[in-house]
Amino acid sequence: ISMTDKRPFKVGVNLATTPGAVVFR
């Protein structure tokens, strides 16, 4: 059951946007 309109959001575009880098995996 949808609790929010998902369309405006995209991870890496307007969520989780603080600059950085993956340094280990």
PDBML (XML) file of the C-alpha atoms, coordinates in Angstrom:
<?xml version="1.0" encoding="UTF-8" ?>
<PDBx:datablock datablockName="MODEL"
   xmlns:PDBx="http://pdbml.pdb.org/schema/pdbx-v50.xsd"
   xmlns:xsi="http://www.w3.org/2001/XMLSchema-instance"
   xsi:schemaLocation="http://pdbml.pdb.org/schema/pdbx-v50.xsd pdbx-v50.xsd">
   <PDBx:atom_siteCategory>
      <PDBx:atom_site id="1">
         <PDBx:B_iso_or_equiv>0.00</PDBx:B_iso_or_equiv>
         <PDBx:Cartn_x>0.000</PDBx:Cartn_x>
         <PDBx:Cartn_y>0.000</PDBx:Cartn_y>
         <PDBx:Cartn_z>0.000</PDBx:Cartn_z>
         <PDBx:auth_asym_id>A</PDBx:auth_asym_id>
         <PDBx:auth_atom_id>CA</PDBx:auth_atom_id>
         <PDBx:auth_comp_id>ILE</PDBx:auth_comp_id>
         <PDBx:auth_seq_id>1</PDBx:auth_seq_id>
         <PDBx:group_PDB>ATOM</PDBx:group_PDB>
         <PDBx:label_alt_id xsi:nil="true" />
         <PDBx:label_asym_id>A</PDBx:label_asym_id>
         <PDBx:label_atom_id>CA</PDBx:label_atom_id>
         <PDBx:label_comp_id>ILE</PDBx:label_comp_id>
         <PDBx:label_entity_id>1</PDBx:label_entity_id>
         <PDBx:label_seq_id>1</PDBx:label_seq_id>
         <PDBx:occupancy>1.00</PDBx:occupancy>
         <PDBx:pdbx_PDB_model_num>1</PDBx:pdbx_PDB_model_num>
         <PDBx:type_symbol>C</PDBx:type_symbol>
      </PDBx:atom_site>
      <PDBx:atom_site id="2">
         <PDBx:B_iso_or_equiv>0.00</PDBx:B_iso_or_equiv>
         <PDBx:Cartn_x>1.611</PDBx:Cartn_x>
         <PDBx:Cartn_y>3.255</PDBx:Cartn_y>
         <PDBx:Cartn_z>-1.117</PDBx:Cartn_z>
         <PDBx:auth_asym_id>A</PDBx:auth_asym_id>
         <PDBx:auth_atom_id>CA</PDBx:auth_atom_id>
         <PDBx:auth_comp_id>SER</PDBx:auth_comp_id>
         <PDBx:auth_seq_id>2</PDBx:auth_seq_id>
         <PDBx:group_PDB>ATOM</PDBx:group_PDB>
         <PDBx:label_alt_id xsi:nil="true" />
         <PDBx:label_asym_id>A</PDBx:label_asym_id>
         <PDBx:label_atom_id>CA</PDBx:label_atom_id>
         <PDBx:label_comp_id>SER</PDBx:label_comp_id>
         <PDBx:label_entity_id>1</PDBx:label_entity_id>
         <PDBx:label_seq_id>2</PDBx:label_seq_id>
         <PDBx:occupancy>1.00</PDBx:occupancy>
         <PDBx:pdbx_PDB_model_num>1</PDBx:pdbx_PDB_model_num>
         <PDBx:type_symbol>C</PDBx:type_symbol>
      </PDBx:atom_site>
      <PDBx:atom_site id="3">
         <PDBx:B_iso_or_equiv>0.00</PDBx:B_iso_or_equiv>
         <PDBx:Cartn_x>2.366</PDBx:Cartn_x>
         <PDBx:Cartn_y>5.712</PDBx:Cartn_y>
         <PDBx:Cartn_z>1.679</PDBx:Cartn_z>
         <PDBx:auth_asym_id>A</PDBx:auth_asym_id>
         <PDBx:auth_atom_id>CA</PDBx:auth_atom_id>
         <PDBx:auth_comp_id>MET</PDBx:auth_comp_id>
         <PDBx:auth_seq_id>3</PDBx:auth_seq_id>
         <PDBx:group_PDB>ATOM</PDBx:group_PDB>
         <PDBx:label_alt_id xsi:nil="true" />
         <PDBx:label_asym_id>A</PDBx:label_asym_id>
         <PDBx:label_atom_id>CA</PDBx:label_atom_id>
         <PDBx:label_comp_id>MET</PDBx:label_comp_id>
         <PDBx:label_entity_id>1</PDBx:label_entity_id>
         <PDBx:label_seq_id>3</PDBx:label_seq_id>
         <PDBx:occupancy>1.00</PDBx:occupancy>
         <PDBx:pdbx_PDB_model_num>1</PDBx:pdbx_PDB_model_num>
         <PDBx:type_symbol>C</PDBx:type_symbol>
      </PDBx:atom_site>
      <PDBx:atom_site id="4">
         <PDBx:B_iso_or_equiv>0.00</PDBx:B_iso_or_equiv>
         <PDBx:Cartn_x>3.929</PDBx:Cartn_x>
         <PDBx:Cartn_y>8.337</PDBx:Cartn_y>
         <PDBx:Cartn_z>-0.570</PDBx:Cartn_z>
         <PDBx:auth_asym_id>A</PDBx:auth_asym_id>
         <PDBx:auth_atom_id>CA</PDBx:auth_atom_id>
         <PDBx:auth_comp_id>THR</PDBx:auth_comp_id>
         <PDBx:auth_seq_id>4</PDBx:auth_seq_id>
         <PDBx:group_PDB>ATOM</PDBx:group_PDB>
         <PDBx:label_alt_id xsi:nil="true" />
         <PDBx:label_asym_id>A</PDBx:label_asym_id>
         <PDBx:label_atom_id>CA</PDBx:label_atom_id>
         <PDBx:label_comp_id>THR</PDBx:label_comp_id>
         <PDBx:label_entity_id>1</PDBx:label_entity_id>
         <PDBx:label_seq_id>4</PDBx:label_seq_id>
         <PDBx:occupancy>1.00</PDBx:occupancy>
         <PDBx:pdbx_PDB_model_num>1</PDBx:pdbx_PDB_model_num>
         <PDBx:type_symbol>C</PDBx:type_symbol>
      </PDBx:atom_site>
      <PDBx:atom_site id="5">
         <PDBx:B_iso_or_equiv>0.00</PDBx:B_iso_or_equiv>
         <PDBx:Cartn_x>4.182</PDBx:Cartn_x>
         <PDBx:Cartn_y>9.408</PDBx:Cartn_y>
         <PDBx:Cartn_z>-4.172</PDBx:Cartn_z>
         <PDBx:auth_asym_id>A</PDBx:auth_asym_id>
         <PDBx:auth_atom_id>CA</PDBx:auth_atom_id>
         <PDBx:auth_comp_id>ASP</PDBx:auth_comp_id>
         <PDBx:auth_seq_id>5</PDBx:auth_seq_id>
         <PDBx:group_PDB>ATOM</PDBx:group_PDB>
         <PDBx:label_alt_id xsi:nil="true" />
         <PDBx:label_asym_id>A</PDBx:label_asym_id>
         <PDBx:label_atom_id>CA</PDBx:label_atom_id>
         <PDBx:label_comp_id>ASP</PDBx:label_comp_id>
         <PDBx:label_entity_id>1</PDBx:label_entity_id>
         <PDBx:label_seq_id>5</PDBx:label_seq_id>
         <PDBx:occupancy>1.00</PDBx:occupancy>
         <PDBx:pdbx_PDB_model_num>1</PDBx:pdbx_PDB_model_num>
         <PDBx:type_symbol>C</PDBx:type_symbol>
      </PDBx:atom_site>
      <PDBx:atom_site id="6">
         <PDBx:B_iso_or_equiv>0.00</PDBx:B_iso_or_equiv>
         <PDBx:Cartn_x>7.436</PDBx:Cartn_x>
         <PDBx:Cartn_y>7.740</PDBx:Cartn_y>
         <PDBx:Cartn_z>-5.237</PDBx:Cartn_z>
         <PDBx:auth_asym_id>A</PDBx:auth_asym_id>
         <PDBx:auth_atom_id>CA</PDBx:auth_atom_id>
         <PDBx:auth_comp_id>LYS</PDBx:auth_comp_id>
         <PDBx:auth_seq_id>6</PDBx:auth_seq_id>
         <PDBx:group_PDB>ATOM</PDBx:group_PDB>
         <PDBx:label_alt_id xsi:nil="true" />
         <PDBx:label_asym_id>A</PDBx:label_asym_id>
         <PDBx:label_atom_id>CA</PDBx:label_atom_id>
         <PDBx:label_comp_id>LYS</PDBx:label_comp_id>
         <PDBx:label_entity_id>1</PDBx:label_entity_id>
         <PDBx:label_seq_id>6</PDBx:label_seq_id>
         <PDBx:occupancy>1.00</PDBx:occupancy>
         <PDBx:pdbx_PDB_model_num>1</PDBx:pdbx_PDB_model_num>
         <PDBx:type_symbol>C</PDBx:type_symbol>
      </PDBx:atom_site>
      <PDBx:atom_site id="7">
         <PDBx:B_iso_or_equiv>0.00</PDBx:B_iso_or_equiv>
         <PDBx:Cartn_x>7.781</PDBx:Cartn_x>
         <PDBx:Cartn_y>9.504</PDBx:Cartn_y>
         <PDBx:Cartn_z>-8.579</PDBx:Cartn_z>
         <PDBx:auth_asym_id>A</PDBx:auth_asym_id>
         <PDBx:auth_atom_id>CA</PDBx:auth_atom_id>
         <PDBx:auth_comp_id>ARG</PDBx:auth_comp_id>
         <PDBx:auth_seq_id>7</PDBx:auth_seq_id>
         <PDBx:group_PDB>ATOM</PDBx:group_PDB>
         <PDBx:label_alt_id xsi:nil="true" />
         <PDBx:label_asym_id>A</PDBx:label_asym_id>
         <PDBx:label_atom_id>CA</PDBx:label_atom_id>
         <PDBx:label_comp_id>ARG</PDBx:label_comp_id>
         <PDBx:label_entity_id>1</PDBx:label_entity_id>
         <PDBx:label_seq_id>7</PDBx:label_seq_id>
         <PDBx:occupancy>1.00</PDBx:occupancy>
         <PDBx:pdbx_PDB_model_num>1</PDBx:pdbx_PDB_model_num>
         <PDBx:type_symbol>C</PDBx:type_symbol>
      </PDBx:atom_site>
      <PDBx:atom_site id="8">
         <PDBx:B_iso_or_equiv>0.00</PDBx:B_iso_or_equiv>
         <PDBx:Cartn_x>9.627</PDBx:Cartn_x>
         <PDBx:Cartn_y>12.667</PDBx:Cartn_y>
         <PDBx:Cartn_z>-7.420</PDBx:Cartn_z>
         <PDBx:auth_asym_id>A</PDBx:auth_asym_id>
         <PDBx:auth_atom_id>CA</PDBx:auth_atom_id>
         <PDBx:auth_comp_id>PRO</PDBx:auth_comp_id>
         <PDBx:auth_seq_id>8</PDBx:auth_seq_id>
         <PDBx:group_PDB>ATOM</PDBx:group_PDB>
         <PDBx:label_alt_id xsi:nil="true" />
         <PDBx:label_asym_id>A</PDBx:label_asym_id>
         <PDBx:label_atom_id>CA</PDBx:label_atom_id>
         <PDBx:label_comp_id>PRO</PDBx:label_comp_id>
         <PDBx:label_entity_id>1</PDBx:label_entity_id>
         <PDBx:label_seq_id>8</PDBx:label_seq_id>
         <PDBx:occupancy>1.00</PDBx:occupancy>
         <PDBx:pdbx_PDB_model_num>1</PDBx:pdbx_PDB_model_num>
         <PDBx:type_symbol>C</PDBx:type_symbol>
      </PDBx:atom_site>
      <PDBx:atom_site id="9">
         <PDBx:B_iso_or_equiv>0.00</PDBx:B_iso_or_equiv>
         <PDBx:Cartn_x>12.429</PDBx:Cartn_x>
         <PDBx:Cartn_y>10.726</PDBx:Cartn_y>
         <PDBx:Cartn_z>-5.694</PDBx:Cartn_z>
         <PDBx:auth_asym_id>A</PDBx:auth_asym_id>
         <PDBx:auth_atom_id>CA</PDBx:auth_atom_id>
         <PDBx:auth_comp_id>PHE</PDBx:auth_comp_id>
         <PDBx:auth_seq_id>9</PDBx:auth_seq_id>
         <PDBx:group_PDB>ATOM</PDBx:group_PDB>
         <PDBx:label_alt_id xsi:nil="true" />
         <PDBx:label_asym_id>A</PDBx:label_asym_id>
         <PDBx:label_atom_id>CA</PDBx:label_atom_id>
         <PDBx:label_comp_id>PHE</PDBx:label_comp_id>
         <PDBx:label_entity_id>1</PDBx:label_entity_id>
         <PDBx:label_seq_id>9</PDBx:label_seq_id>
         <PDBx:occupancy>1.00</PDBx:occupancy>
         <PDBx:pdbx_PDB_model_num>1</PDBx:pdbx_PDB_model_num>
         <PDBx:type_symbol>C</PDBx:type_symbol>
      </PDBx:atom_site>
      <PDBx:atom_site id="10">
         <PDBx:B_iso_or_equiv>0.00</PDBx:B_iso_or_equiv>
         <PDBx:Cartn_x>15.560</PDBx:Cartn_x>
         <PDBx:Cartn_y>9.080</PDBx:Cartn_y>
         <PDBx:Cartn_z>-7.023</PDBx:Cartn_z>
         <PDBx:auth_asym_id>A</PDBx:auth_asym_id>
         <PDBx:auth_atom_id>CA</PDBx:auth_atom_id>
         <PDBx:auth_comp_id>LYS</PDBx:auth_comp_id>
         <PDBx:auth_seq_id>10</PDBx:auth_seq_id>
         <PDBx:group_PDB>ATOM</PDBx:group_PDB>
         <PDBx:label_alt_id xsi:nil="true" />
         <PDBx:label_asym_id>A</PDBx:label_asym_id>
         <PDBx:label_atom_id>CA</PDBx:label_atom_id>
         <PDBx:label_comp_id>LYS</PDBx:label_comp_id>
         <PDBx:label_entity_id>1</PDBx:label_entity_id>
         <PDBx:label_seq_id>10</PDBx:label_seq_id>
         <PDBx:occupancy>1.00</PDBx:occupancy>
         <PDBx:pdbx_PDB_model_num>1</PDBx:pdbx_PDB_model_num>
         <PDBx:type_symbol>C</PDBx:type_symbol>
      </PDBx:atom_site>
      <PDBx:atom_site id="11">
         <PDBx:B_iso_or_equiv>0.00</PDBx:B_iso_or_equiv>
         <PDBx:Cartn_x>18.475</PDBx:Cartn_x>
         <PDBx:Cartn_y>7.889</PDBx:Cartn_y>
         <PDBx:Cartn_z>-4.903</PDBx:Cartn_z>
         <PDBx:auth_asym_id>A</PDBx:auth_asym_id>
         <PDBx:auth_atom_id>CA</PDBx:auth_atom_id>
         <PDBx:auth_comp_id>VAL</PDBx:auth_comp_id>
         <PDBx:auth_seq_id>11</PDBx:auth_seq_id>
         <PDBx:group_PDB>ATOM</PDBx:group_PDB>
         <PDBx:label_alt_id xsi:nil="true" />
         <PDBx:label_asym_id>A</PDBx:label_asym_id>
         <PDBx:label_atom_id>CA</PDBx:label_atom_id>
         <PDBx:label_comp_id>VAL</PDBx:label_comp_id>
         <PDBx:label_entity_id>1</PDBx:label_entity_id>
         <PDBx:label_seq_id>11</PDBx:label_seq_id>
         <PDBx:occupancy>1.00</PDBx:occupancy>
         <PDBx:pdbx_PDB_model_num>1</PDBx:pdbx_PDB_model_num>
         <PDBx:type_symbol>C</PDBx:type_symbol>
      </PDBx:atom_site>
      <PDBx:atom_site id="12">
         <PDBx:B_iso_or_equiv>0.00</PDBx:B_iso_or_equiv>
         <PDBx:Cartn_x>21.656</PDBx:Cartn_x>
         <PDBx:Cartn_y>9.670</PDBx:Cartn_y>
         <PDBx:Cartn_z>-5.939</PDBx:Cartn_z>
         <PDBx:auth_asym_id>A</PDBx:auth_asym_id>
         <PDBx:auth_atom_id>CA</PDBx:auth_atom_id>
         <PDBx:auth_comp_id>GLY</PDBx:auth_comp_id>
         <PDBx:auth_seq_id>12</PDBx:auth_seq_id>
         <PDBx:group_PDB>ATOM</PDBx:group_PDB>
         <PDBx:label_alt_id xsi:nil="true" />
         <PDBx:label_asym_id>A</PDBx:label_asym_id>
         <PDBx:label_atom_id>CA</PDBx:label_atom_id>
         <PDBx:label_comp_id>GLY</PDBx:label_comp_id>
         <PDBx:label_entity_id>1</PDBx:label_entity_id>
         <PDBx:label_seq_id>12</PDBx:label_seq_id>
         <PDBx:occupancy>1.00</PDBx:occupancy>
         <PDBx:pdbx_PDB_model_num>1</PDBx:pdbx_PDB_model_num>
         <PDBx:type_symbol>C</PDBx:type_symbol>
      </PDBx:atom_site>
      <PDBx:atom_site id="13">
         <PDBx:B_iso_or_equiv>0.00</PDBx:B_iso_or_equiv>
         <PDBx:Cartn_x>19.717</PDBx:Cartn_x>
         <PDBx:Cartn_y>12.467</PDBx:Cartn_y>
         <PDBx:Cartn_z>-7.639</PDBx:Cartn_z>
         <PDBx:auth_asym_id>A</PDBx:auth_asym_id>
         <PDBx:auth_atom_id>CA</PDBx:auth_atom_id>
         <PDBx:auth_comp_id>VAL</PDBx:auth_comp_id>
         <PDBx:auth_seq_id>13</PDBx:auth_seq_id>
         <PDBx:group_PDB>ATOM</PDBx:group_PDB>
         <PDBx:label_alt_id xsi:nil="true" />
         <PDBx:label_asym_id>A</PDBx:label_asym_id>
         <PDBx:label_atom_id>CA</PDBx:label_atom_id>
         <PDBx:label_comp_id>VAL</PDBx:label_comp_id>
         <PDBx:label_entity_id>1</PDBx:label_entity_id>
         <PDBx:label_seq_id>13</PDBx:label_seq_id>
         <PDBx:occupancy>1.00</PDBx:occupancy>
         <PDBx:pdbx_PDB_model_num>1</PDBx:pdbx_PDB_model_num>
         <PDBx:type_symbol>C</PDBx:type_symbol>
      </PDBx:atom_site>
      <PDBx:atom_site id="14">
         <PDBx:B_iso_or_equiv>0.00</PDBx:B_iso_or_equiv>
         <PDBx:Cartn_x>17.686</PDBx:Cartn_x>
         <PDBx:Cartn_y>14.122</PDBx:Cartn_y>
         <PDBx:Cartn_z>-4.875</PDBx:Cartn_z>
         <PDBx:auth_asym_id>A</PDBx:auth_asym_id>
         <PDBx:auth_atom_id>CA</PDBx:auth_atom_id>
         <PDBx:auth_comp_id>ASN</PDBx:auth_comp_id>
         <PDBx:auth_seq_id>14</PDBx:auth_seq_id>
         <PDBx:group_PDB>ATOM</PDBx:group_PDB>
         <PDBx:label_alt_id xsi:nil="true" />
         <PDBx:label_asym_id>A</PDBx:label_asym_id>
         <PDBx:label_atom_id>CA</PDBx:label_atom_id>
         <PDBx:label_comp_id>ASN</PDBx:label_comp_id>
         <PDBx:label_entity_id>1</PDBx:label_entity_id>
         <PDBx:label_seq_id>14</PDBx:label_seq_id>
         <PDBx:occupancy>1.00</PDBx:occupancy>
         <PDBx:pdbx_PDB_model_num>1</PDBx:pdbx_PDB_model_num>
         <PDBx:type_symbol>C</PDBx:type_symbol>
      </PDBx:atom_site>
      <PDBx:atom_site id="15">
         <PDBx:B_iso_or_equiv>0.00</PDBx:B_iso_or_equiv>
         <PDBx:Cartn_x>18.293</PDBx:Cartn_x>
         <PDBx:Cartn_y>11.612</PDBx:Cartn_y>
         <PDBx:Cartn_z>-2.061</PDBx:Cartn_z>
         <PDBx:auth_asym_id>A</PDBx:auth_asym_id>
         <PDBx:auth_atom_id>CA</PDBx:auth_atom_id>
         <PDBx:auth_comp_id>LEU</PDBx:auth_comp_id>
         <PDBx:auth_seq_id>15</PDBx:auth_seq_id>
         <PDBx:group_PDB>ATOM</PDBx:group_PDB>
         <PDBx:label_alt_id xsi:nil="true" />
         <PDBx:label_asym_id>A</PDBx:label_asym_id>
         <PDBx:label_atom_id>CA</PDBx:label_atom_id>
         <PDBx:label_comp_id>LEU</PDBx:label_comp_id>
         <PDBx:label_entity_id>1</PDBx:label_entity_id>
         <PDBx:label_seq_id>15</PDBx:label_seq_id>
         <PDBx:occupancy>1.00</PDBx:occupancy>
         <PDBx:pdbx_PDB_model_num>1</PDBx:pdbx_PDB_model_num>
         <PDBx:type_symbol>C</PDBx:type_symbol>
      </PDBx:atom_site>
      <PDBx:atom_site id="16">
         <PDBx:B_iso_or_equiv>0.00</PDBx:B_iso_or_equiv>
         <PDBx:Cartn_x>21.708</PDBx:Cartn_x>
         <PDBx:Cartn_y>10.529</PDBx:Cartn_y>
         <PDBx:Cartn_z>-0.731</PDBx:Cartn_z>
         <PDBx:auth_asym_id>A</PDBx:auth_asym_id>
         <PDBx:auth_atom_id>CA</PDBx:auth_atom_id>
         <PDBx:auth_comp_id>ALA</PDBx:auth_comp_id>
         <PDBx:auth_seq_id>16</PDBx:auth_seq_id>
         <PDBx:group_PDB>ATOM</PDBx:group_PDB>
         <PDBx:label_alt_id xsi:nil="true" />
         <PDBx:label_asym_id>A</PDBx:label_asym_id>
         <PDBx:label_atom_id>CA</PDBx:label_atom_id>
         <PDBx:label_comp_id>ALA</PDBx:label_comp_id>
         <PDBx:label_entity_id>1</PDBx:label_entity_id>
         <PDBx:label_seq_id>16</PDBx:label_seq_id>
         <PDBx:occupancy>1.00</PDBx:occupancy>
         <PDBx:pdbx_PDB_model_num>1</PDBx:pdbx_PDB_model_num>
         <PDBx:type_symbol>C</PDBx:type_symbol>
      </PDBx:atom_site>
      <PDBx:atom_site id="17">
         <PDBx:B_iso_or_equiv>0.00</PDBx:B_iso_or_equiv>
         <PDBx:Cartn_x>23.447</PDBx:Cartn_x>
         <PDBx:Cartn_y>13.383</PDBx:Cartn_y>
         <PDBx:Cartn_z>-2.541</PDBx:Cartn_z>
         <PDBx:auth_asym_id>A</PDBx:auth_asym_id>
         <PDBx:auth_atom_id>CA</PDBx:auth_atom_id>
         <PDBx:auth_comp_id>THR</PDBx:auth_comp_id>
         <PDBx:auth_seq_id>17</PDBx:auth_seq_id>
         <PDBx:group_PDB>ATOM</PDBx:group_PDB>
         <PDBx:label_alt_id xsi:nil="true" />
         <PDBx:label_asym_id>A</PDBx:label_asym_id>
         <PDBx:label_atom_id>CA</PDBx:label_atom_id>
         <PDBx:label_comp_id>THR</PDBx:label_comp_id>
         <PDBx:label_entity_id>1</PDBx:label_entity_id>
         <PDBx:label_seq_id>17</PDBx:label_seq_id>
         <PDBx:occupancy>1.00</PDBx:occupancy>
         <PDBx:pdbx_PDB_model_num>1</PDBx:pdbx_PDB_model_num>
         <PDBx:type_symbol>C</PDBx:type_symbol>
      </PDBx:atom_site>
      <PDBx:atom_site id="18">
         <PDBx:B_iso_or_equiv>0.00</PDBx:B_iso_or_equiv>
         <PDBx:Cartn_x>26.268</PDBx:Cartn_x>
         <PDBx:Cartn_y>14.312</PDBx:Cartn_y>
         <PDBx:Cartn_z>-0.154</PDBx:Cartn_z>
         <PDBx:auth_asym_id>A</PDBx:auth_asym_id>
         <PDBx:auth_atom_id>CA</PDBx:auth_atom_id>
         <PDBx:auth_comp_id>THR</PDBx:auth_comp_id>
         <PDBx:auth_seq_id>18</PDBx:auth_seq_id>
         <PDBx:group_PDB>ATOM</PDBx:group_PDB>
         <PDBx:label_alt_id xsi:nil="true" />
         <PDBx:label_asym_id>A</PDBx:label_asym_id>
         <PDBx:label_atom_id>CA</PDBx:label_atom_id>
         <PDBx:label_comp_id>THR</PDBx:label_comp_id>
         <PDBx:label_entity_id>1</PDBx:label_entity_id>
         <PDBx:label_seq_id>18</PDBx:label_seq_id>
         <PDBx:occupancy>1.00</PDBx:occupancy>
         <PDBx:pdbx_PDB_model_num>1</PDBx:pdbx_PDB_model_num>
         <PDBx:type_symbol>C</PDBx:type_symbol>
      </PDBx:atom_site>
      <PDBx:atom_site id="19">
         <PDBx:B_iso_or_equiv>0.00</PDBx:B_iso_or_equiv>
         <PDBx:Cartn_x>29.440</PDBx:Cartn_x>
         <PDBx:Cartn_y>14.077</PDBx:Cartn_y>
         <PDBx:Cartn_z>-2.299</PDBx:Cartn_z>
         <PDBx:auth_asym_id>A</PDBx:auth_asym_id>
         <PDBx:auth_atom_id>CA</PDBx:auth_atom_id>
         <PDBx:auth_comp_id>PRO</PDBx:auth_comp_id>
         <PDBx:auth_seq_id>19</PDBx:auth_seq_id>
         <PDBx:group_PDB>ATOM</PDBx:group_PDB>
         <PDBx:label_alt_id xsi:nil="true" />
         <PDBx:label_asym_id>A</PDBx:label_asym_id>
         <PDBx:label_atom_id>CA</PDBx:label_atom_id>
         <PDBx:label_comp_id>PRO</PDBx:label_comp_id>
         <PDBx:label_entity_id>1</PDBx:label_entity_id>
         <PDBx:label_seq_id>19</PDBx:label_seq_id>
         <PDBx:occupancy>1.00</PDBx:occupancy>
         <PDBx:pdbx_PDB_model_num>1</PDBx:pdbx_PDB_model_num>
         <PDBx:type_symbol>C</PDBx:type_symbol>
      </PDBx:atom_site>
      <PDBx:atom_site id="20">
         <PDBx:B_iso_or_equiv>0.00</PDBx:B_iso_or_equiv>
         <PDBx:Cartn_x>31.782</PDBx:Cartn_x>
         <PDBx:Cartn_y>11.195</PDBx:Cartn_y>
         <PDBx:Cartn_z>-1.614</PDBx:Cartn_z>
         <PDBx:auth_asym_id>A</PDBx:auth_asym_id>
         <PDBx:auth_atom_id>CA</PDBx:auth_atom_id>
         <PDBx:auth_comp_id>GLY</PDBx:auth_comp_id>
         <PDBx:auth_seq_id>20</PDBx:auth_seq_id>
         <PDBx:group_PDB>ATOM</PDBx:group_PDB>
         <PDBx:label_alt_id xsi:nil="true" />
         <PDBx:label_asym_id>A</PDBx:label_asym_id>
         <PDBx:label_atom_id>CA</PDBx:label_atom_id>
         <PDBx:label_comp_id>GLY</PDBx:label_comp_id>
         <PDBx:label_entity_id>1</PDBx:label_entity_id>
         <PDBx:label_seq_id>20</PDBx:label_seq_id>
         <PDBx:occupancy>1.00</PDBx:occupancy>
         <PDBx:pdbx_PDB_model_num>1</PDBx:pdbx_PDB_model_num>
         <PDBx:type_symbol>C</PDBx:type_symbol>
      </PDBx:atom_site>
      <PDBx:atom_site id="21">
         <PDBx:B_iso_or_equiv>0.00</PDBx:B_iso_or_equiv>
         <PDBx:Cartn_x>33.236</PDBx:Cartn_x>
         <PDBx:Cartn_y>7.979</PDBx:Cartn_y>
         <PDBx:Cartn_z>-2.986</PDBx:Cartn_z>
         <PDBx:auth_asym_id>A</PDBx:auth_asym_id>
         <PDBx:auth_atom_id>CA</PDBx:auth_atom_id>
         <PDBx:auth_comp_id>ALA</PDBx:auth_comp_id>
         <PDBx:auth_seq_id>21</PDBx:auth_seq_id>
         <PDBx:group_PDB>ATOM</PDBx:group_PDB>
         <PDBx:label_alt_id xsi:nil="true" />
         <PDBx:label_asym_id>A</PDBx:label_asym_id>
         <PDBx:label_atom_id>CA</PDBx:label_atom_id>
         <PDBx:label_comp_id>ALA</PDBx:label_comp_id>
         <PDBx:label_entity_id>1</PDBx:label_entity_id>
         <PDBx:label_seq_id>21</PDBx:label_seq_id>
         <PDBx:occupancy>1.00</PDBx:occupancy>
         <PDBx:pdbx_PDB_model_num>1</PDBx:pdbx_PDB_model_num>
         <PDBx:type_symbol>C</PDBx:type_symbol>
      </PDBx:atom_site>
      <PDBx:atom_site id="22">
         <PDBx:B_iso_or_equiv>0.00</PDBx:B_iso_or_equiv>
         <PDBx:Cartn_x>33.067</PDBx:Cartn_x>
         <PDBx:Cartn_y>4.255</PDBx:Cartn_y>
         <PDBx:Cartn_z>-2.397</PDBx:Cartn_z>
         <PDBx:auth_asym_id>A</PDBx:auth_asym_id>
         <PDBx:auth_atom_id>CA</PDBx:auth_atom_id>
         <PDBx:auth_comp_id>VAL</PDBx:auth_comp_id>
         <PDBx:auth_seq_id>22</PDBx:auth_seq_id>
         <PDBx:group_PDB>ATOM</PDBx:group_PDB>
         <PDBx:label_alt_id xsi:nil="true" />
         <PDBx:label_asym_id>A</PDBx:label_asym_id>
         <PDBx:label_atom_id>CA</PDBx:label_atom_id>
         <PDBx:label_comp_id>VAL</PDBx:label_comp_id>
         <PDBx:label_entity_id>1</PDBx:label_entity_id>
         <PDBx:label_seq_id>22</PDBx:label_seq_id>
         <PDBx:occupancy>1.00</PDBx:occupancy>
         <PDBx:pdbx_PDB_model_num>1</PDBx:pdbx_PDB_model_num>
         <PDBx:type_symbol>C</PDBx:type_symbol>
      </PDBx:atom_site>
      <PDBx:atom_site id="23">
         <PDBx:B_iso_or_equiv>0.00</PDBx:B_iso_or_equiv>
         <PDBx:Cartn_x>36.565</PDBx:Cartn_x>
         <PDBx:Cartn_y>3.376</PDBx:Cartn_y>
         <PDBx:Cartn_z>-1.174</PDBx:Cartn_z>
         <PDBx:auth_asym_id>A</PDBx:auth_asym_id>
         <PDBx:auth_atom_id>CA</PDBx:auth_atom_id>
         <PDBx:auth_comp_id>VAL</PDBx:auth_comp_id>
         <PDBx:auth_seq_id>23</PDBx:auth_seq_id>
         <PDBx:group_PDB>ATOM</PDBx:group_PDB>
         <PDBx:label_alt_id xsi:nil="true" />
         <PDBx:label_asym_id>A</PDBx:label_asym_id>
         <PDBx:label_atom_id>CA</PDBx:label_atom_id>
         <PDBx:label_comp_id>VAL</PDBx:label_comp_id>
         <PDBx:label_entity_id>1</PDBx:label_entity_id>
         <PDBx:label_seq_id>23</PDBx:label_seq_id>
         <PDBx:occupancy>1.00</PDBx:occupancy>
         <PDBx:pdbx_PDB_model_num>1</PDBx:pdbx_PDB_model_num>
         <PDBx:type_symbol>C</PDBx:type_symbol>
      </PDBx:atom_site>
      <PDBx:atom_site id="24">
         <PDBx:B_iso_or_equiv>0.00</PDBx:B_iso_or_equiv>
         <PDBx:Cartn_x>36.030</PDBx:Cartn_x>
         <PDBx:Cartn_y>-0.282</PDBx:Cartn_y>
         <PDBx:Cartn_z>-0.275</PDBx:Cartn_z>
         <PDBx:auth_asym_id>A</PDBx:auth_asym_id>
         <PDBx:auth_atom_id>CA</PDBx:auth_atom_id>
         <PDBx:auth_comp_id>PHE</PDBx:auth_comp_id>
         <PDBx:auth_seq_id>24</PDBx:auth_seq_id>
         <PDBx:group_PDB>ATOM</PDBx:group_PDB>
         <PDBx:label_alt_id xsi:nil="true" />
         <PDBx:label_asym_id>A</PDBx:label_asym_id>
         <PDBx:label_atom_id>CA</PDBx:label_atom_id>
         <PDBx:label_comp_id>PHE</PDBx:label_comp_id>
         <PDBx:label_entity_id>1</PDBx:label_entity_id>
         <PDBx:label_seq_id>24</PDBx:label_seq_id>
         <PDBx:occupancy>1.00</PDBx:occupancy>
         <PDBx:pdbx_PDB_model_num>1</PDBx:pdbx_PDB_model_num>
         <PDBx:type_symbol>C</PDBx:type_symbol>
      </PDBx:atom_site>
      <PDBx:atom_site id="25">
         <PDBx:B_iso_or_equiv>0.00</PDBx:B_iso_or_equiv>
         <PDBx:Cartn_x>33.727</PDBx:Cartn_x>
         <PDBx:Cartn_y>-3.087</PDBx:Cartn_y>
         <PDBx:Cartn_z>-1.345</PDBx:Cartn_z>
         <PDBx:auth_asym_id>A</PDBx:auth_asym_id>
         <PDBx:auth_atom_id>CA</PDBx:auth_atom_id>
         <PDBx:auth_comp_id>ARG</PDBx:auth_comp_id>
         <PDBx:auth_seq_id>25</PDBx:auth_seq_id>
         <PDBx:group_PDB>ATOM</PDBx:group_PDB>
         <PDBx:label_alt_id xsi:nil="true" />
         <PDBx:label_asym_id>A</PDBx:label_asym_id>
         <PDBx:label_atom_id>CA</PDBx:label_atom_id>
         <PDBx:label_comp_id>ARG</PDBx:label_comp_id>
         <PDBx:label_entity_id>1</PDBx:label_entity_id>
         <PDBx:label_seq_id>25</PDBx:label_seq_id>
         <PDBx:occupancy>1.00</PDBx:occupancy>
         <PDBx:pdbx_PDB_model_num>1</PDBx:pdbx_PDB_model_num>
         <PDBx:type_symbol>C</PDBx:type_symbol>
      </PDBx:atom_site>
   </PDBx:atom_siteCategory>
</PDBx:datablock>
